[in-house]
């Protein structure tokens, strides 16, 4: 029997679109502990393909998120899914130059290790076992067995005009 690949892709794309309804992609910035409590606040930067390429929403919750981690977030439901170590936001390294870049895991090559590709640039870089030890460890664990990406609930997001 012949498979209609185009129809299969359409069905899969529509299912993904429904599953991601209400979700955005981006990263957290400036998350710090709030005074006299055990909650954190900061900003979630929503990435976009249209200028200005991002919008910001205020974040409050019990988690201290790193700006290098990428997330899929449902702002209304206050839930998020960590994409690290599969997708990274190289923020601090490029902040001085006013640039940011998003990278995704590309491949593993015996003797070379793991490489990440910069989205939109088609160039990749290999992780350094010394500098990127935590990432290498996480990826090794993922290769050994299925693991869960971090998911978080009970987060509060406020649109900028409400600040």
C-alpha atoms as a PDB file:
ATOM      1  CA  UNK A   1       0.000   0.000   0.000  1.00  0.00           C
ATOM      2  CA  UNK A   2       1.220   3.437  -0.923  1.00  0.00           C
ATOM      3  CA  UNK A   3       1.358   6.109   1.776  1.00  0.00           C
ATOM      4  CA  UNK A   4       0.276   9.671   1.002  1.00  0.00           C
ATOM      5  CA  UNK A   5       3.165  11.467   2.709  1.00  0.00           C
ATOM      6  CA  UNK A   6       1.715  14.930   2.107  1.00  0.00           C
ATOM      7  CA  UNK A   7      -1.562  13.987   3.825  1.00  0.00           C
ATOM      8  CA  UNK A   8       0.339  12.377   6.706  1.00  0.00           C
ATOM      9  CA  UNK A   9       2.438  15.514   7.197  1.00  0.00           C
ATOM     10  CA  UNK A  10      -0.701  17.704   7.059  1.00  0.00           C
ATOM     11  CA  UNK A  11      -2.414  15.606   9.754  1.00  0.00           C
ATOM     12  CA  UNK A  12       0.710  15.651  11.938  1.00  0.00           C
ATOM     13  CA  UNK A  13       1.165  19.428  11.499  1.00  0.00           C
ATOM     14  CA  UNK A  14      -2.483  20.078  12.405  1.00  0.00           C
ATOM     15  CA  UNK A  15      -2.186  17.878  15.511  1.00  0.00           C
ATOM     16  CA  UNK A  16       0.965  19.745  16.612  1.00  0.00           C
ATOM     17  CA  UNK A  17      -0.746  23.083  15.981  1.00  0.00           C
ATOM     18  CA  UNK A  18      -3.702  22.076  18.185  1.00  0.00           C
ATOM     19  CA  UNK A  19      -1.387  20.758  20.919  1.00  0.00           C
ATOM     20  CA  UNK A  20       0.571  24.030  20.941  1.00  0.00           C
ATOM     21  CA  UNK A  21      -2.478  26.306  20.869  1.00  0.00           C
ATOM     22  CA  UNK A  22      -1.960  29.098  23.373  1.00  0.00           C
ATOM     23  CA  UNK A  23       1.759  28.327  23.769  1.00  0.00           C
ATOM     24  CA  UNK A  24       4.743  30.550  23.048  1.00  0.00           C
ATOM     25  CA  UNK A  25       8.493  29.955  22.750  1.00  0.00           C
ATOM     26  CA  UNK A  26      11.187  31.988  24.476  1.00  0.00           C
ATOM     27  CA  UNK A  27      13.379  32.355  27.553  1.00  0.00           C
ATOM     28  CA  UNK A  28      13.453  33.984  30.979  1.00  0.00           C
ATOM     29  CA  UNK A  29      15.575  37.024  31.850  1.00  0.00           C
ATOM     30  CA  UNK A  30      16.523  38.741  35.076  1.00  0.00           C
ATOM     31  CA  UNK A  31      14.864  36.206  37.363  1.00  0.00           C
ATOM     32  CA  UNK A  32      15.733  37.103  40.944  1.00  0.00           C
ATOM     33  CA  UNK A  33      14.450  36.206  44.391  1.00  0.00           C
ATOM     34  CA  UNK A  34      11.750  38.537  45.667  1.00  0.00           C
ATOM     35  CA  UNK A  35      12.373  40.259  48.983  1.00  0.00           C
ATOM     36  CA  UNK A  36      11.343  38.518  52.191  1.00  0.00           C
ATOM     37  CA  UNK A  37       9.904  35.413  50.583  1.00  0.00           C
ATOM     38  CA  UNK A  38      10.710  32.356  48.572  1.00  0.00           C
ATOM     39  CA  UNK A  39       9.237  33.476  45.248  1.00  0.00           C
ATOM     40  CA  UNK A  40      11.059  34.742  42.175  1.00  0.00           C
ATOM     41  CA  UNK A  41      10.252  37.409  39.591  1.00  0.00           C
ATOM     42  CA  UNK A  42      11.620  38.392  36.219  1.00  0.00           C
ATOM     43  CA  UNK A  43      10.660  38.606  32.583  1.00  0.00           C
ATOM     44  CA  UNK A  44       9.765  35.975  30.001  1.00  0.00           C
ATOM     45  CA  UNK A  45      10.875  37.031  26.533  1.00  0.00           C
ATOM     46  CA  UNK A  46       8.564  35.606  23.880  1.00  0.00           C
ATOM     47  CA  UNK A  47      10.423  34.983  20.618  1.00  0.00           C
ATOM     48  CA  UNK A  48       8.778  35.935  17.336  1.00  0.00           C
ATOM     49  CA  UNK A  49       9.620  35.903  13.649  1.00  0.00           C
ATOM     50  CA  UNK A  50       8.155  39.416  13.191  1.00  0.00           C
ATOM     51  CA  UNK A  51       9.793  42.625  14.362  1.00  0.00           C
ATOM     52  CA  UNK A  52      10.641  43.490  17.091  1.00  0.00           C
ATOM     53  CA  UNK A  53      11.323  39.702  17.269  1.00  0.00           C
ATOM     54  CA  UNK A  54      10.166  39.453  20.866  1.00  0.00           C
ATOM     55  CA  UNK A  55       7.675  40.711  23.416  1.00  0.00           C
ATOM     56  CA  UNK A  56       8.068  40.580  27.153  1.00  0.00           C
ATOM     57  CA  UNK A  57       5.742  39.427  29.919  1.00  0.00           C
ATOM     58  CA  UNK A  58       6.314  39.670  33.649  1.00  0.00           C
ATOM     59  CA  UNK A  59       6.963  36.397  35.491  1.00  0.00           C
ATOM     60  CA  UNK A  60       6.363  35.472  39.127  1.00  0.00           C
ATOM     61  CA  UNK A  61       6.689  32.010  40.604  1.00  0.00           C
ATOM     62  CA  UNK A  62       8.625  29.575  42.759  1.00  0.00           C
ATOM     63  CA  UNK A  63      11.272  28.730  40.133  1.00  0.00           C
ATOM     64  CA  UNK A  64      14.542  30.527  39.374  1.00  0.00           C
ATOM     65  CA  UNK A  65      15.014  30.063  35.634  1.00  0.00           C
ATOM     66  CA  UNK A  66      18.294  30.563  33.766  1.00  0.00           C
ATOM     67  CA  UNK A  67      18.348  32.857  30.689  1.00  0.00           C
ATOM     68  CA  UNK A  68      20.195  30.146  28.741  1.00  0.00           C
ATOM     69  CA  UNK A  69      17.271  27.712  28.903  1.00  0.00           C
ATOM     70  CA  UNK A  70      14.579  27.718  26.208  1.00  0.00           C
ATOM     71  CA  UNK A  71      10.941  27.021  27.103  1.00  0.00           C
ATOM     72  CA  UNK A  72       7.528  26.490  25.620  1.00  0.00           C
ATOM     73  CA  UNK A  73       5.091  28.394  27.837  1.00  0.00           C
ATOM     74  CA  UNK A  74       1.328  28.544  28.115  1.00  0.00           C
ATOM     75  CA  UNK A  75       0.931  32.052  29.521  1.00  0.00           C
ATOM     76  CA  UNK A  76      -2.753  31.723  30.410  1.00  0.00           C
ATOM     77  CA  UNK A  77      -2.452  28.379  32.187  1.00  0.00           C
ATOM     78  CA  UNK A  78       0.843  29.277  33.922  1.00  0.00           C
ATOM     79  CA  UNK A  79       2.658  26.168  32.696  1.00  0.00           C
ATOM     80  CA  UNK A  80       5.954  25.667  30.902  1.00  0.00           C
ATOM     81  CA  UNK A  81       8.110  22.925  29.436  1.00  0.00           C
ATOM     82  CA  UNK A  82      11.908  23.195  29.478  1.00  0.00           C
ATOM     83  CA  UNK A  83      13.557  22.376  26.146  1.00  0.00           C
ATOM     84  CA  UNK A  84      17.084  22.222  27.523  1.00  0.00           C
ATOM     85  CA  UNK A  85      19.419  20.545  26.755  1.00  0.00           C
ATOM     86  CA  UNK A  86      17.846  20.034  23.319  1.00  0.00           C
ATOM     87  CA  UNK A  87      17.449  23.752  22.608  1.00  0.00           C
ATOM     88  CA  UNK A  88      19.571  26.489  24.212  1.00  0.00           C
ATOM     89  CA  UNK A  89      19.432  30.252  24.312  1.00  0.00           C
ATOM     90  CA  UNK A  90      22.978  31.641  24.201  1.00  0.00           C
ATOM     91  CA  UNK A  91      22.214  34.870  25.971  1.00  0.00           C
ATOM     92  CA  UNK A  92      25.056  35.816  28.282  1.00  0.00           C
ATOM     93  CA  UNK A  93      27.775  34.994  25.774  1.00  0.00           C
ATOM     94  CA  UNK A  94      26.379  37.437  23.228  1.00  0.00           C
ATOM     95  CA  UNK A  95      24.730  40.007  25.488  1.00  0.00           C
ATOM     96  CA  UNK A  96      27.678  42.425  25.353  1.00  0.00           C
ATOM     97  CA  UNK A  97      27.397  42.538  21.571  1.00  0.00           C
ATOM     98  CA  UNK A  98      23.632  43.061  21.792  1.00  0.00           C
ATOM     99  CA  UNK A  99      23.009  39.739  20.077  1.00  0.00           C
ATOM    100  CA  UNK A 100      21.302  36.535  21.015  1.00  0.00           C
ATOM    101  CA  UNK A 101      21.215  33.166  19.363  1.00  0.00           C
ATOM    102  CA  UNK A 102      19.136  30.078  19.715  1.00  0.00           C
ATOM    103  CA  UNK A 103      20.771  26.695  19.173  1.00  0.00           C
ATOM    104  CA  UNK A 104      19.429  23.184  18.843  1.00  0.00           C
ATOM    105  CA  UNK A 105      21.122  19.837  19.212  1.00  0.00           C
ATOM    106  CA  UNK A 106      22.426  18.797  15.814  1.00  0.00           C
ATOM    107  CA  UNK A 107      24.151  15.429  16.124  1.00  0.00           C
ATOM    108  CA  UNK A 108      26.545  13.215  17.998  1.00  0.00           C
ATOM    109  CA  UNK A 109      29.740  12.045  16.309  1.00  0.00           C
ATOM    110  CA  UNK A 110      32.015   9.435  17.834  1.00  0.00           C
ATOM    111  CA  UNK A 111      35.310  11.068  18.753  1.00  0.00           C
ATOM    112  CA  UNK A 112      33.925  14.610  18.317  1.00  0.00           C
ATOM    113  CA  UNK A 113      30.964  14.639  20.663  1.00  0.00           C
ATOM    114  CA  UNK A 114      27.767  16.672  20.470  1.00  0.00           C
ATOM    115  CA  UNK A 115      27.217  19.559  18.125  1.00  0.00           C
ATOM    116  CA  UNK A 116      24.633  22.319  18.222  1.00  0.00           C
ATOM    117  CA  UNK A 117      23.431  24.284  15.219  1.00  0.00           C
ATOM    118  CA  UNK A 118      22.595  27.987  15.413  1.00  0.00           C
ATOM    119  CA  UNK A 119      19.059  28.387  14.081  1.00  0.00           C
ATOM    120  CA  UNK A 120      19.005  30.434  10.919  1.00  0.00           C
ATOM    121  CA  UNK A 121      22.754  30.307  10.355  1.00  0.00           C
ATOM    122  CA  UNK A 122      23.392  26.684   9.335  1.00  0.00           C
ATOM    123  CA  UNK A 123      26.668  26.555  11.223  1.00  0.00           C
ATOM    124  CA  UNK A 124      27.322  24.257  14.110  1.00  0.00           C
ATOM    125  CA  UNK A 125      29.721  24.059  17.012  1.00  0.00           C
ATOM    126  CA  UNK A 126      30.848  21.136  19.142  1.00  0.00           C
ATOM    127  CA  UNK A 127      30.404  21.202  22.884  1.00  0.00           C
ATOM    128  CA  UNK A 128      33.562  21.360  24.931  1.00  0.00           C
ATOM    129  CA  UNK A 129      33.626  18.568  27.549  1.00  0.00           C
ATOM    130  CA  UNK A 130      35.350  20.993  29.934  1.00  0.00           C
ATOM    131  CA  UNK A 131      33.318  24.178  29.361  1.00  0.00           C
ATOM    132  CA  UNK A 132      29.970  22.484  28.732  1.00  0.00           C
ATOM    133  CA  UNK A 133      30.320  19.586  31.178  1.00  0.00           C
ATOM    134  CA  UNK A 134      26.755  19.865  32.547  1.00  0.00           C
ATOM    135  CA  UNK A 135      25.237  19.857  29.036  1.00  0.00           C
ATOM    136  CA  UNK A 136      27.353  16.898  27.961  1.00  0.00           C
ATOM    137  CA  UNK A 137      26.273  14.991  31.091  1.00  0.00           C
ATOM    138  CA  UNK A 138      22.591  15.741  30.437  1.00  0.00           C
ATOM    139  CA  UNK A 139      22.867  14.658  26.804  1.00  0.00           C
ATOM    140  CA  UNK A 140      24.679  11.455  27.793  1.00  0.00           C
ATOM    141  CA  UNK A 141      21.842  10.650  30.209  1.00  0.00           C
ATOM    142  CA  UNK A 142      19.317  11.238  27.430  1.00  0.00           C
ATOM    143  CA  UNK A 143      21.200   8.865  25.128  1.00  0.00           C
ATOM    144  CA  UNK A 144      21.146   6.106  27.749  1.00  0.00           C
ATOM    145  CA  UNK A 145      17.408   6.187  28.398  1.00  0.00           C
ATOM    146  CA  UNK A 146      14.270   8.215  27.930  1.00  0.00           C
ATOM    147  CA  UNK A 147      14.052  11.056  30.361  1.00  0.00           C
ATOM    148  CA  UNK A 148      11.565  13.760  31.138  1.00  0.00           C
ATOM    149  CA  UNK A 149      12.142  17.376  30.298  1.00  0.00           C
ATOM    150  CA  UNK A 150      11.370  19.735  33.162  1.00  0.00           C
ATOM    151  CA  UNK A 151       7.768  20.866  33.363  1.00  0.00           C
ATOM    152  CA  UNK A 152       6.496  23.533  35.723  1.00  0.00           C
ATOM    153  CA  UNK A 153       3.036  24.672  36.822  1.00  0.00           C
ATOM    154  CA  UNK A 154       1.616  27.436  38.990  1.00  0.00           C
ATOM    155  CA  UNK A 155       3.541  30.225  37.248  1.00  0.00           C
ATOM    156  CA  UNK A 156       2.073  33.716  36.901  1.00  0.00           C
ATOM    157  CA  UNK A 157       2.539  35.783  33.749  1.00  0.00           C
ATOM    158  CA  UNK A 158       1.371  39.381  33.371  1.00  0.00           C
ATOM    159  CA  UNK A 159       1.189  41.200  30.036  1.00  0.00           C
ATOM    160  CA  UNK A 160       3.372  44.307  29.826  1.00  0.00           C
ATOM    161  CA  UNK A 161       0.506  46.822  29.727  1.00  0.00           C
ATOM    162  CA  UNK A 162      -0.636  45.465  33.128  1.00  0.00           C
ATOM    163  CA  UNK A 163       2.698  46.095  34.911  1.00  0.00           C
END
